[in-house]
Amino acid sequence: MTKEYQSFAQFYPFYLNQHSQLMTRKLHYIGSTLVLVCLFSALITASFGIFLMLPVLGYGFAWVGHFFVEKNRPATFTYPLYSFVADYVMLFQAVTGKLDHSYFD
């Protein structure tokens, strides 16, 4: 049975726990960064076909981490909005050195 999260603050510790392996987090960081680079590139160059690649880049790297490294079900299947936001919160916290490592192996 899946727990119902009523807020992002409740969800985020669960999200971090689902990314306990460093390789999973690295794959998320790569995918999320590529999404941002491609998004800005598409906007600057008006190459809007690039938008079609954004879900493939973002979810592709993340799901490889979940299915082959963590061997768990991506939280985005149950909590798509919270998971999307959490991807970028985790990336921002990692880049700024504020990521809480107590959730990781």
N, C-alpha and C. Protein backbone atom coordinates (compact mmCIF):
# COMPACT_ATOMS: atom_id res chain seq x y z
N MET A 1 0.84 -1.18 0.00
CA MET A 1 0.00 0.00 0.00
C MET A 1 0.89 1.25 0.00
N THR A 2 0.59 2.19 -0.87
CA THR A 2 1.36 3.41 -0.99
C THR A 2 0.85 4.45 0.00
N LYS A 3 1.77 5.09 0.68
CA LYS A 3 1.41 6.14 1.63
C LYS A 3 0.94 7.37 0.87
N GLU A 4 -0.05 8.03 1.39
CA GLU A 4 -0.54 9.28 0.81
C GLU A 4 0.23 10.45 1.42
N TYR A 5 0.91 11.22 0.60
CA TYR A 5 1.63 12.39 1.07
C TYR A 5 0.76 13.62 0.84
N GLN A 6 0.56 14.37 1.88
CA GLN A 6 -0.31 15.54 1.83
C GLN A 6 0.44 16.82 1.48
N SER A 7 1.77 16.74 1.51
CA SER A 7 2.56 17.93 1.21
C SER A 7 3.91 17.51 0.63
N PHE A 8 4.56 18.45 -0.01
CA PHE A 8 5.89 18.19 -0.54
C PHE A 8 6.86 17.92 0.61
N ALA A 9 6.70 18.63 1.71
CA ALA A 9 7.59 18.45 2.86
C ALA A 9 7.50 17.02 3.40
N GLN A 10 6.34 16.40 3.36
CA GLN A 10 6.19 15.00 3.77
C GLN A 10 6.80 14.07 2.73
N PHE A 11 6.64 14.41 1.46
CA PHE A 11 7.09 13.55 0.37
C PHE A 11 8.61 13.54 0.20
N TYR A 12 9.25 14.66 0.37
CA TYR A 12 10.67 14.79 0.02
C TYR A 12 11.59 13.80 0.75
N PRO A 13 11.43 13.54 2.05
CA PRO A 13 12.29 12.52 2.68
C PRO A 13 12.12 11.14 2.03
N PHE A 14 10.89 10.78 1.68
CA PHE A 14 10.65 9.52 0.96
C PHE A 14 11.39 9.53 -0.37
N TYR A 15 11.29 10.64 -1.09
CA TYR A 15 11.95 10.78 -2.38
C TYR A 15 13.46 10.58 -2.24
N LEU A 16 14.06 11.23 -1.27
CA LEU A 16 15.50 11.09 -1.05
C LEU A 16 15.86 9.64 -0.74
N ASN A 17 15.05 8.99 0.07
CA ASN A 17 15.29 7.59 0.42
C ASN A 17 15.25 6.69 -0.81
N GLN A 18 14.44 7.04 -1.80
CA GLN A 18 14.33 6.26 -3.03
C GLN A 18 15.52 6.49 -3.96
N HIS A 19 16.44 7.37 -3.58
CA HIS A 19 17.63 7.71 -4.36
C HIS A 19 18.88 7.49 -3.52
N SER A 20 18.91 6.36 -2.81
CA SER A 20 19.98 6.13 -1.85
C SER A 20 21.33 5.86 -2.49
N GLN A 21 21.34 5.35 -3.70
CA GLN A 21 22.60 5.04 -4.39
C GLN A 21 23.13 6.28 -5.13
N LEU A 22 24.41 6.53 -4.97
CA LEU A 22 25.03 7.69 -5.62
C LEU A 22 24.83 7.67 -7.13
N MET A 23 24.93 6.49 -7.75
CA MET A 23 24.78 6.41 -9.21
C MET A 23 23.37 6.84 -9.64
N THR A 24 22.37 6.50 -8.86
CA THR A 24 21.00 6.92 -9.17
C THR A 24 20.91 8.44 -9.15
N ARG A 25 21.47 9.04 -8.13
CA ARG A 25 21.44 10.50 -8.04
C ARG A 25 22.21 11.13 -9.20
N LYS A 26 23.36 10.56 -9.53
CA LYS A 26 24.14 11.11 -10.66
C LYS A 26 23.35 11.03 -11.96
N LEU A 27 22.66 9.92 -12.19
CA LEU A 27 21.85 9.80 -13.40
C LEU A 27 20.72 10.84 -13.40
N HIS A 28 20.12 11.09 -12.25
CA HIS A 28 19.11 12.14 -12.15
C HIS A 28 19.72 13.51 -12.46
N TYR A 29 20.89 13.77 -11.90
CA TYR A 29 21.54 15.06 -12.13
C TYR A 29 21.84 15.26 -13.61
N ILE A 30 22.32 14.22 -14.26
CA ILE A 30 22.62 14.31 -15.70
C ILE A 30 21.35 14.61 -16.48
N GLY A 31 20.31 13.83 -16.24
CA GLY A 31 19.05 14.03 -16.96
C GLY A 31 18.45 15.40 -16.71
N SER A 32 18.40 15.81 -15.45
CA SER A 32 17.82 17.10 -15.11
C SER A 32 18.62 18.26 -15.70
N THR A 33 19.94 18.15 -15.69
CA THR A 33 20.78 19.19 -16.27
C THR A 33 20.61 19.25 -17.78
N LEU A 34 20.57 18.09 -18.43
CA LEU A 34 20.35 18.07 -19.88
C LEU A 34 19.00 18.68 -20.24
N VAL A 35 18.00 18.43 -19.44
CA VAL A 35 16.69 19.03 -19.69
C VAL A 35 16.80 20.55 -19.64
N LEU A 36 17.47 21.08 -18.63
CA LEU A 36 17.61 22.54 -18.53
C LEU A 36 18.40 23.11 -19.70
N VAL A 37 19.49 22.46 -20.06
CA VAL A 37 20.32 22.93 -21.19
C VAL A 37 19.49 22.92 -22.48
N CYS A 38 18.79 21.83 -22.72
CA CYS A 38 17.99 21.73 -23.95
C CYS A 38 16.82 22.72 -23.94
N LEU A 39 16.21 22.92 -22.79
CA LEU A 39 15.12 23.88 -22.69
C LEU A 39 15.60 25.28 -23.04
N PHE A 40 16.69 25.70 -22.44
CA PHE A 40 17.23 27.03 -22.73
C PHE A 40 17.71 27.13 -24.18
N SER A 41 18.29 26.08 -24.68
CA SER A 41 18.72 26.04 -26.08
C SER A 41 17.53 26.19 -27.02
N ALA A 42 16.46 25.47 -26.72
CA ALA A 42 15.26 25.55 -27.56
C ALA A 42 14.67 26.94 -27.54
N LEU A 43 14.66 27.56 -26.38
CA LEU A 43 14.10 28.91 -26.28
C LEU A 43 14.97 29.94 -27.00
N ILE A 44 16.28 29.81 -26.87
CA ILE A 44 17.20 30.76 -27.49
C ILE A 44 17.21 30.63 -29.00
N THR A 45 17.19 29.39 -29.49
CA THR A 45 17.30 29.15 -30.94
C THR A 45 15.96 29.01 -31.63
N ALA A 46 14.88 29.03 -30.85
CA ALA A 46 13.52 28.82 -31.39
C ALA A 46 13.42 27.46 -32.10
N SER A 47 14.17 26.48 -31.65
CA SER A 47 14.10 25.12 -32.17
C SER A 47 13.18 24.32 -31.27
N PHE A 48 11.90 24.52 -31.46
CA PHE A 48 10.94 23.97 -30.51
C PHE A 48 10.76 22.46 -30.62
N GLY A 49 11.30 21.84 -31.64
CA GLY A 49 11.29 20.39 -31.74
C GLY A 49 12.08 19.75 -30.61
N ILE A 50 13.02 20.52 -30.05
CA ILE A 50 13.82 20.02 -28.93
C ILE A 50 12.93 19.69 -27.74
N PHE A 51 11.79 20.37 -27.62
CA PHE A 51 10.89 20.12 -26.50
C PHE A 51 10.45 18.65 -26.45
N LEU A 52 10.40 18.01 -27.60
CA LEU A 52 10.00 16.60 -27.64
C LEU A 52 11.02 15.70 -26.95
N MET A 53 12.25 16.15 -26.89
CA MET A 53 13.31 15.35 -26.25
C MET A 53 13.34 15.50 -24.73
N LEU A 54 12.72 16.53 -24.19
CA LEU A 54 12.84 16.80 -22.76
C LEU A 54 12.36 15.64 -21.88
N PRO A 55 11.19 15.05 -22.13
CA PRO A 55 10.79 13.93 -21.28
C PRO A 55 11.72 12.72 -21.42
N VAL A 56 12.21 12.48 -22.62
CA VAL A 56 13.12 11.35 -22.84
C VAL A 56 14.40 11.56 -22.04
N LEU A 57 14.95 12.76 -22.09
CA LEU A 57 16.19 13.04 -21.34
C LEU A 57 15.95 12.98 -19.84
N GLY A 58 14.93 13.67 -19.39
CA GLY A 58 14.67 13.74 -17.95
C GLY A 58 14.33 12.39 -17.35
N TYR A 59 13.36 11.72 -17.95
CA TYR A 59 12.91 10.44 -17.39
C TYR A 59 13.83 9.30 -17.78
N GLY A 60 14.44 9.35 -18.93
CA GLY A 60 15.29 8.25 -19.38
C GLY A 60 16.43 7.97 -18.42
N PHE A 61 17.19 8.99 -18.09
CA PHE A 61 18.31 8.81 -17.16
C PHE A 61 17.80 8.40 -15.77
N ALA A 62 16.74 9.05 -15.32
CA ALA A 62 16.21 8.75 -13.99
C ALA A 62 15.73 7.30 -13.90
N TRP A 63 15.00 6.86 -14.90
CA TRP A 63 14.44 5.51 -14.84
C TRP A 63 15.51 4.44 -14.95
N VAL A 64 16.58 4.70 -15.67
CA VAL A 64 17.70 3.75 -15.69
C VAL A 64 18.21 3.58 -14.25
N GLY A 65 18.35 4.67 -13.54
CA GLY A 65 18.80 4.60 -12.15
C GLY A 65 17.85 3.81 -11.27
N HIS A 66 16.57 4.00 -11.45
CA HIS A 66 15.61 3.30 -10.61
C HIS A 66 15.52 1.81 -10.96
N PHE A 67 15.42 1.51 -12.24
CA PHE A 67 15.21 0.11 -12.64
C PHE A 67 16.47 -0.74 -12.52
N PHE A 68 17.64 -0.16 -12.78
CA PHE A 68 18.87 -0.96 -12.83
C PHE A 68 19.82 -0.75 -11.66
N VAL A 69 19.72 0.38 -10.97
CA VAL A 69 20.62 0.65 -9.85
C VAL A 69 19.87 0.45 -8.53
N GLU A 70 18.83 1.24 -8.30
CA GLU A 70 18.06 1.14 -7.06
C GLU A 70 17.18 -0.10 -7.04
N LYS A 71 16.74 -0.50 -8.24
CA LYS A 71 15.78 -1.61 -8.37
C LYS A 71 14.50 -1.31 -7.61
N ASN A 72 14.00 -0.09 -7.81
CA ASN A 72 12.74 0.30 -7.20
C ASN A 72 11.85 0.98 -8.25
N ARG A 73 10.64 1.25 -7.88
CA ARG A 73 9.66 1.86 -8.78
C ARG A 73 9.78 3.38 -8.67
N PRO A 74 9.96 4.09 -9.78
CA PRO A 74 10.07 5.55 -9.71
C PRO A 74 8.85 6.18 -9.03
N ALA A 75 9.11 7.09 -8.12
CA ALA A 75 8.03 7.78 -7.41
C ALA A 75 7.17 8.59 -8.35
N THR A 76 7.70 8.94 -9.52
CA THR A 76 6.94 9.74 -10.47
C THR A 76 5.69 9.02 -10.96
N PHE A 77 5.67 7.69 -10.85
CA PHE A 77 4.48 6.94 -11.27
C PHE A 77 3.29 7.24 -10.37
N THR A 78 3.56 7.50 -9.09
CA THR A 78 2.50 7.76 -8.13
C THR A 78 2.36 9.25 -7.81
N TYR A 79 3.48 9.95 -7.79
CA TYR A 79 3.51 11.37 -7.43
C TYR A 79 4.25 12.17 -8.50
N PRO A 80 3.66 12.34 -9.67
CA PRO A 80 4.39 12.99 -10.77
C PRO A 80 4.81 14.43 -10.49
N LEU A 81 3.93 15.23 -9.91
CA LEU A 81 4.28 16.63 -9.67
C LEU A 81 5.33 16.76 -8.56
N TYR A 82 5.10 16.08 -7.45
CA TYR A 82 6.08 16.12 -6.36
C TYR A 82 7.43 15.61 -6.84
N SER A 83 7.44 14.55 -7.62
CA SER A 83 8.70 13.98 -8.10
C SER A 83 9.43 14.94 -9.03
N PHE A 84 8.69 15.59 -9.91
CA PHE A 84 9.30 16.56 -10.82
C PHE A 84 9.98 17.68 -10.03
N VAL A 85 9.26 18.22 -9.06
CA VAL A 85 9.82 19.30 -8.23
C VAL A 85 11.01 18.78 -7.43
N ALA A 86 10.87 17.57 -6.87
CA ALA A 86 11.93 16.99 -6.05
C ALA A 86 13.22 16.77 -6.84
N ASP A 87 13.09 16.43 -8.14
CA ASP A 87 14.29 16.26 -8.97
C ASP A 87 15.14 17.53 -8.93
N TYR A 88 14.48 18.66 -9.09
CA TYR A 88 15.23 19.92 -9.16
C TYR A 88 15.63 20.44 -7.79
N VAL A 89 14.85 20.13 -6.76
CA VAL A 89 15.26 20.48 -5.40
C VAL A 89 16.52 19.69 -5.04
N MET A 90 16.50 18.38 -5.34
CA MET A 90 17.67 17.54 -5.05
C MET A 90 18.89 18.03 -5.83
N LEU A 91 18.72 18.35 -7.11
CA LEU A 91 19.83 18.87 -7.92
C LEU A 91 20.36 20.17 -7.32
N PHE A 92 19.48 21.10 -6.99
CA PHE A 92 19.89 22.38 -6.41
C PHE A 92 20.63 22.16 -5.09
N GLN A 93 20.09 21.29 -4.25
CA GLN A 93 20.75 21.03 -2.96
C GLN A 93 22.11 20.37 -3.15
N ALA A 94 22.22 19.50 -4.14
CA ALA A 94 23.52 18.85 -4.41
C ALA A 94 24.54 19.88 -4.88
N VAL A 95 24.13 20.77 -5.77
CA VAL A 95 25.04 21.78 -6.33
C VAL A 95 25.46 22.78 -5.25
N THR A 96 24.56 23.10 -4.33
CA THR A 96 24.86 24.09 -3.30
C THR A 96 25.44 23.47 -2.03
N GLY A 97 25.60 22.14 -2.02
CA GLY A 97 26.17 21.47 -0.86
C GLY A 97 25.22 21.33 0.31
N LYS A 98 23.92 21.46 0.07
CA LYS A 98 22.93 21.40 1.15
C LYS A 98 22.11 20.11 1.15
N LEU A 99 22.52 19.13 0.36
CA LEU A 99 21.78 17.88 0.29
C LEU A 99 21.98 17.06 1.56
N ASP A 100 20.89 16.62 2.16
CA ASP A 100 20.94 15.84 3.40
C ASP A 100 21.32 14.39 3.06
N HIS A 101 22.53 14.01 3.38
CA HIS A 101 23.05 12.68 3.03
C HIS A 101 22.63 11.59 4.00
N SER A 102 21.86 11.92 5.00
CA SER A 102 21.45 10.90 5.97
C SER A 102 20.48 9.89 5.36
N TYR A 103 19.91 10.19 4.20
CA TYR A 103 18.96 9.28 3.53
C TYR A 103 19.66 8.27 2.63
N PHE A 104 20.97 8.38 2.48
CA PHE A 104 21.68 7.59 1.49
C PHE A 104 22.56 6.53 2.15
N ASP A 105 22.86 5.49 1.35
CA ASP A 105 23.75 4.42 1.82
C ASP A 105 25.17 4.91 1.97
